[in-house]
Amino acid sequence: MNKRQLIERLLLEPHVEGGYYFRTYRSDRQTAVPYAAEPRCLLSSIFYLLTDDSPIGHLHKNRSDILHFFQGGSPLTYLIVHPDGRLEKEVLGCDLEKGQRLQLLVRGG
């Protein structure tokens, strides 16, 4: 399956931070949070795809914790800037022998 077929099959749309996405789940349960004017759902999930024509997820600040799952393709390098300024580099991919990870937690903030 090529990228166009995958984008169509998964109903992916361009994401404002780069790549393509589709929200697969949004919890009906909500909670108030200090940084938002309206309640936020407790859990959501998306498919997210980077491609050769949109290969970068641009720098952004997560308001909530996010779990990233590697499901296939080329390895992805994450550069995480922590609130204290520390820089962390993680690689999502299936080569566990090289230290790649199948999932990654990125904390909000």
C-alpha atoms as a PDB file:
ATOM      1  CA  MET A   1       0.000   0.000   0.000  1.00  0.00           C
ATOM      2  CA  ASN A   2       1.454   3.383  -0.938  1.00  0.00           C
ATOM      3  CA  LYS A   3       1.162   6.550   1.161  1.00  0.00           C
ATOM      4  CA  ARG A   4      -1.812   7.947  -0.795  1.00  0.00           C
ATOM      5  CA  GLN A   5      -3.734   4.702  -0.306  1.00  0.00           C
ATOM      6  CA  LEU A   6      -2.856   4.678   3.412  1.00  0.00           C
ATOM      7  CA  ILE A   7      -3.953   8.305   3.822  1.00  0.00           C
ATOM      8  CA  GLU A   8      -7.257   7.545   2.080  1.00  0.00           C
ATOM      9  CA  ARG A   9      -7.859   4.247   3.906  1.00  0.00           C
ATOM     10  CA  LEU A  10      -7.251   5.786   7.355  1.00  0.00           C
ATOM     11  CA  LEU A  11      -9.127   9.032   6.483  1.00  0.00           C
ATOM     12  CA  LEU A  12      -6.045  11.106   7.329  1.00  0.00           C
ATOM     13  CA  GLU A  13      -5.998  14.890   6.919  1.00  0.00           C
ATOM     14  CA  PRO A  14      -3.095  17.350   7.032  1.00  0.00           C
ATOM     15  CA  HIS A  15      -2.071  18.204  10.603  1.00  0.00           C
ATOM     16  CA  VAL A  16      -1.200  21.829  11.490  1.00  0.00           C
ATOM     17  CA  GLU A  17       2.130  20.685  13.021  1.00  0.00           C
ATOM     18  CA  GLY A  18       3.080  18.591   9.978  1.00  0.00           C
ATOM     19  CA  GLY A  19       2.195  15.104   8.797  1.00  0.00           C
ATOM     20  CA  TYR A  20      -1.298  13.673   8.560  1.00  0.00           C
ATOM     21  CA  TYR A  21      -3.735  12.566  11.251  1.00  0.00           C
ATOM     22  CA  PHE A  22      -7.171  11.198  12.096  1.00  0.00           C
ATOM     23  CA  ARG A  23      -8.749  11.193  15.559  1.00  0.00           C
ATOM     24  CA  THR A  24      -9.751   7.590  16.270  1.00  0.00           C
ATOM     25  CA  TYR A  25     -11.154   8.121  19.776  1.00  0.00           C
ATOM     26  CA  ARG A  26     -12.316  10.917  22.056  1.00  0.00           C
ATOM     27  CA  SER A  27     -13.572  10.131  25.551  1.00  0.00           C
ATOM     28  CA  ASP A  28     -16.999  11.398  26.570  1.00  0.00           C
ATOM     29  CA  ARG A  29     -15.561  11.985  30.040  1.00  0.00           C
ATOM     30  CA  GLN A  30     -14.147  15.454  30.567  1.00  0.00           C
ATOM     31  CA  THR A  31     -12.280  17.387  33.220  1.00  0.00           C
ATOM     32  CA  ALA A  32     -11.563  21.029  33.914  1.00  0.00           C
ATOM     33  CA  VAL A  33      -7.957  22.114  33.507  1.00  0.00           C
ATOM     34  CA  PRO A  34      -6.443  25.443  34.582  1.00  0.00           C
ATOM     35  CA  TYR A  35      -5.018  26.367  31.150  1.00  0.00           C
ATOM     36  CA  ALA A  36      -8.205  25.816  29.132  1.00  0.00           C
ATOM     37  CA  ALA A  37     -11.397  27.848  29.055  1.00  0.00           C
ATOM     38  CA  GLU A  38     -13.462  24.710  28.489  1.00  0.00           C
ATOM     39  CA  PRO A  39     -13.195  21.166  29.868  1.00  0.00           C
ATOM     40  CA  ARG A  40     -10.937  18.745  28.010  1.00  0.00           C
ATOM     41  CA  CYS A  41     -11.626  15.096  27.307  1.00  0.00           C
ATOM     42  CA  LEU A  42      -9.787  12.652  29.567  1.00  0.00           C
ATOM     43  CA  LEU A  43      -8.405  10.588  26.704  1.00  0.00           C
ATOM     44  CA  SER A  44      -8.093  10.810  22.961  1.00  0.00           C
ATOM     45  CA  SER A  45      -6.208   8.861  20.330  1.00  0.00           C
ATOM     46  CA  ILE A  46      -5.077   9.642  16.794  1.00  0.00           C
ATOM     47  CA  PHE A  47      -3.383   7.991  13.860  1.00  0.00           C
ATOM     48  CA  TYR A  48      -0.405  10.156  12.856  1.00  0.00           C
ATOM     49  CA  LEU A  49       1.658   9.720   9.714  1.00  0.00           C
ATOM     50  CA  LEU A  50       4.804  11.492   8.515  1.00  0.00           C
ATOM     51  CA  THR A  51       5.621  11.146   4.806  1.00  0.00           C
ATOM     52  CA  ASP A  52       8.274  12.261   2.346  1.00  0.00           C
ATOM     53  CA  ASP A  53       6.120  15.284   1.411  1.00  0.00           C
ATOM     54  CA  SER A  54       5.418  16.141   5.090  1.00  0.00           C
ATOM     55  CA  PRO A  55       8.332  14.567   7.004  1.00  0.00           C
ATOM     56  CA  ILE A  56       8.488  16.764  10.106  1.00  0.00           C
ATOM     57  CA  GLY A  57       6.241  17.191  13.137  1.00  0.00           C
ATOM     58  CA  HIS A  58       7.090  20.790  14.059  1.00  0.00           C
ATOM     59  CA  LEU A  59       8.155  21.879  17.520  1.00  0.00           C
ATOM     60  CA  HIS A  60       5.180  22.359  19.809  1.00  0.00           C
ATOM     61  CA  LYS A  61       4.350  22.282  23.513  1.00  0.00           C
ATOM     62  CA  ASN A  62       2.157  19.437  24.725  1.00  0.00           C
ATOM     63  CA  ARG A  63      -0.477  20.525  27.206  1.00  0.00           C
ATOM     64  CA  SER A  64      -1.211  16.907  28.155  1.00  0.00           C
ATOM     65  CA  ASP A  65       0.832  13.715  28.362  1.00  0.00           C
ATOM     66  CA  ILE A  66       0.957  11.951  24.980  1.00  0.00           C
ATOM     67  CA  LEU A  67       1.820   8.335  24.206  1.00  0.00           C
ATOM     68  CA  HIS A  68       3.360   7.771  20.774  1.00  0.00           C
ATOM     69  CA  PHE A  69       3.259   4.255  19.271  1.00  0.00           C
ATOM     70  CA  PHE A  70       5.467   3.081  16.408  1.00  0.00           C
ATOM     71  CA  GLN A  71       3.444   1.003  13.956  1.00  0.00           C
ATOM     72  CA  GLY A  72       5.693   0.825  10.910  1.00  0.00           C
ATOM     73  CA  GLY A  73       7.849   2.631   8.390  1.00  0.00           C
ATOM     74  CA  SER A  74      11.177   4.331   8.946  1.00  0.00           C
ATOM     75  CA  PRO A  75      12.380   5.165  12.472  1.00  0.00           C
ATOM     76  CA  LEU A  76      11.381   8.578  13.856  1.00  0.00           C
ATOM     77  CA  THR A  77      13.669  10.802  15.915  1.00  0.00           C
ATOM     78  CA  TYR A  78      12.051  12.867  18.667  1.00  0.00           C
ATOM     79  CA  LEU A  79      13.804  15.851  20.190  1.00  0.00           C
ATOM     80  CA  ILE A  80      12.161  16.639  23.525  1.00  0.00           C
ATOM     81  CA  VAL A  81      12.849  19.935  25.253  1.00  0.00           C
ATOM     82  CA  HIS A  82      12.029  19.627  28.944  1.00  0.00           C
ATOM     83  CA  PRO A  83      10.748  22.581  31.034  1.00  0.00           C
ATOM     84  CA  ASP A  84      14.203  22.864  32.683  1.00  0.00           C
ATOM     85  CA  GLY A  85      15.832  23.237  29.231  1.00  0.00           C
ATOM     86  CA  ARG A  86      17.266  19.714  29.108  1.00  0.00           C
ATOM     87  CA  LEU A  87      17.243  18.201  25.597  1.00  0.00           C
ATOM     88  CA  GLU A  88      16.386  14.524  25.146  1.00  0.00           C
ATOM     89  CA  LYS A  89      16.637  12.491  21.934  1.00  0.00           C
ATOM     90  CA  GLU A  90      14.570   9.328  21.472  1.00  0.00           C
ATOM     91  CA  VAL A  91      14.091   7.147  18.400  1.00  0.00           C
ATOM     92  CA  LEU A  92      10.837   5.319  17.718  1.00  0.00           C
ATOM     93  CA  GLY A  93      11.358   2.254  15.560  1.00  0.00           C
ATOM     94  CA  CYS A  94      11.368  -1.518  15.596  1.00  0.00           C
ATOM     95  CA  ASP A  95      15.130  -2.116  15.943  1.00  0.00           C
ATOM     96  CA  LEU A  96      15.222  -2.711  19.688  1.00  0.00           C
ATOM     97  CA  GLU A  97      18.856  -3.884  19.464  1.00  0.00           C
ATOM     98  CA  LYS A  98      19.803  -0.323  18.432  1.00  0.00           C
ATOM     99  CA  GLY A  99      17.886   1.188  21.345  1.00  0.00           C
ATOM    100  CA  GLN A 100      14.836   2.178  19.324  1.00  0.00           C
ATOM    101  CA  ARG A 101      11.524   2.145  21.159  1.00  0.00           C
ATOM    102  CA  LEU A 102       8.075   0.926  20.157  1.00  0.00           C
ATOM    103  CA  GLN A 103       6.336   3.539  22.286  1.00  0.00           C
ATOM    104  CA  LEU A 104       7.273   6.813  23.901  1.00  0.00           C
ATOM    105  CA  LEU A 105       5.649   8.893  26.624  1.00  0.00           C
ATOM    106  CA  VAL A 106       6.032  12.659  26.176  1.00  0.00           C
ATOM    107  CA  ARG A 107       4.850  14.501  29.280  1.00  0.00           C
ATOM    108  CA  GLY A 108       2.756  17.614  29.030  1.00  0.00           C
ATOM    109  CA  GLY A 109       4.533  20.903  29.625  1.00  0.00           C
END
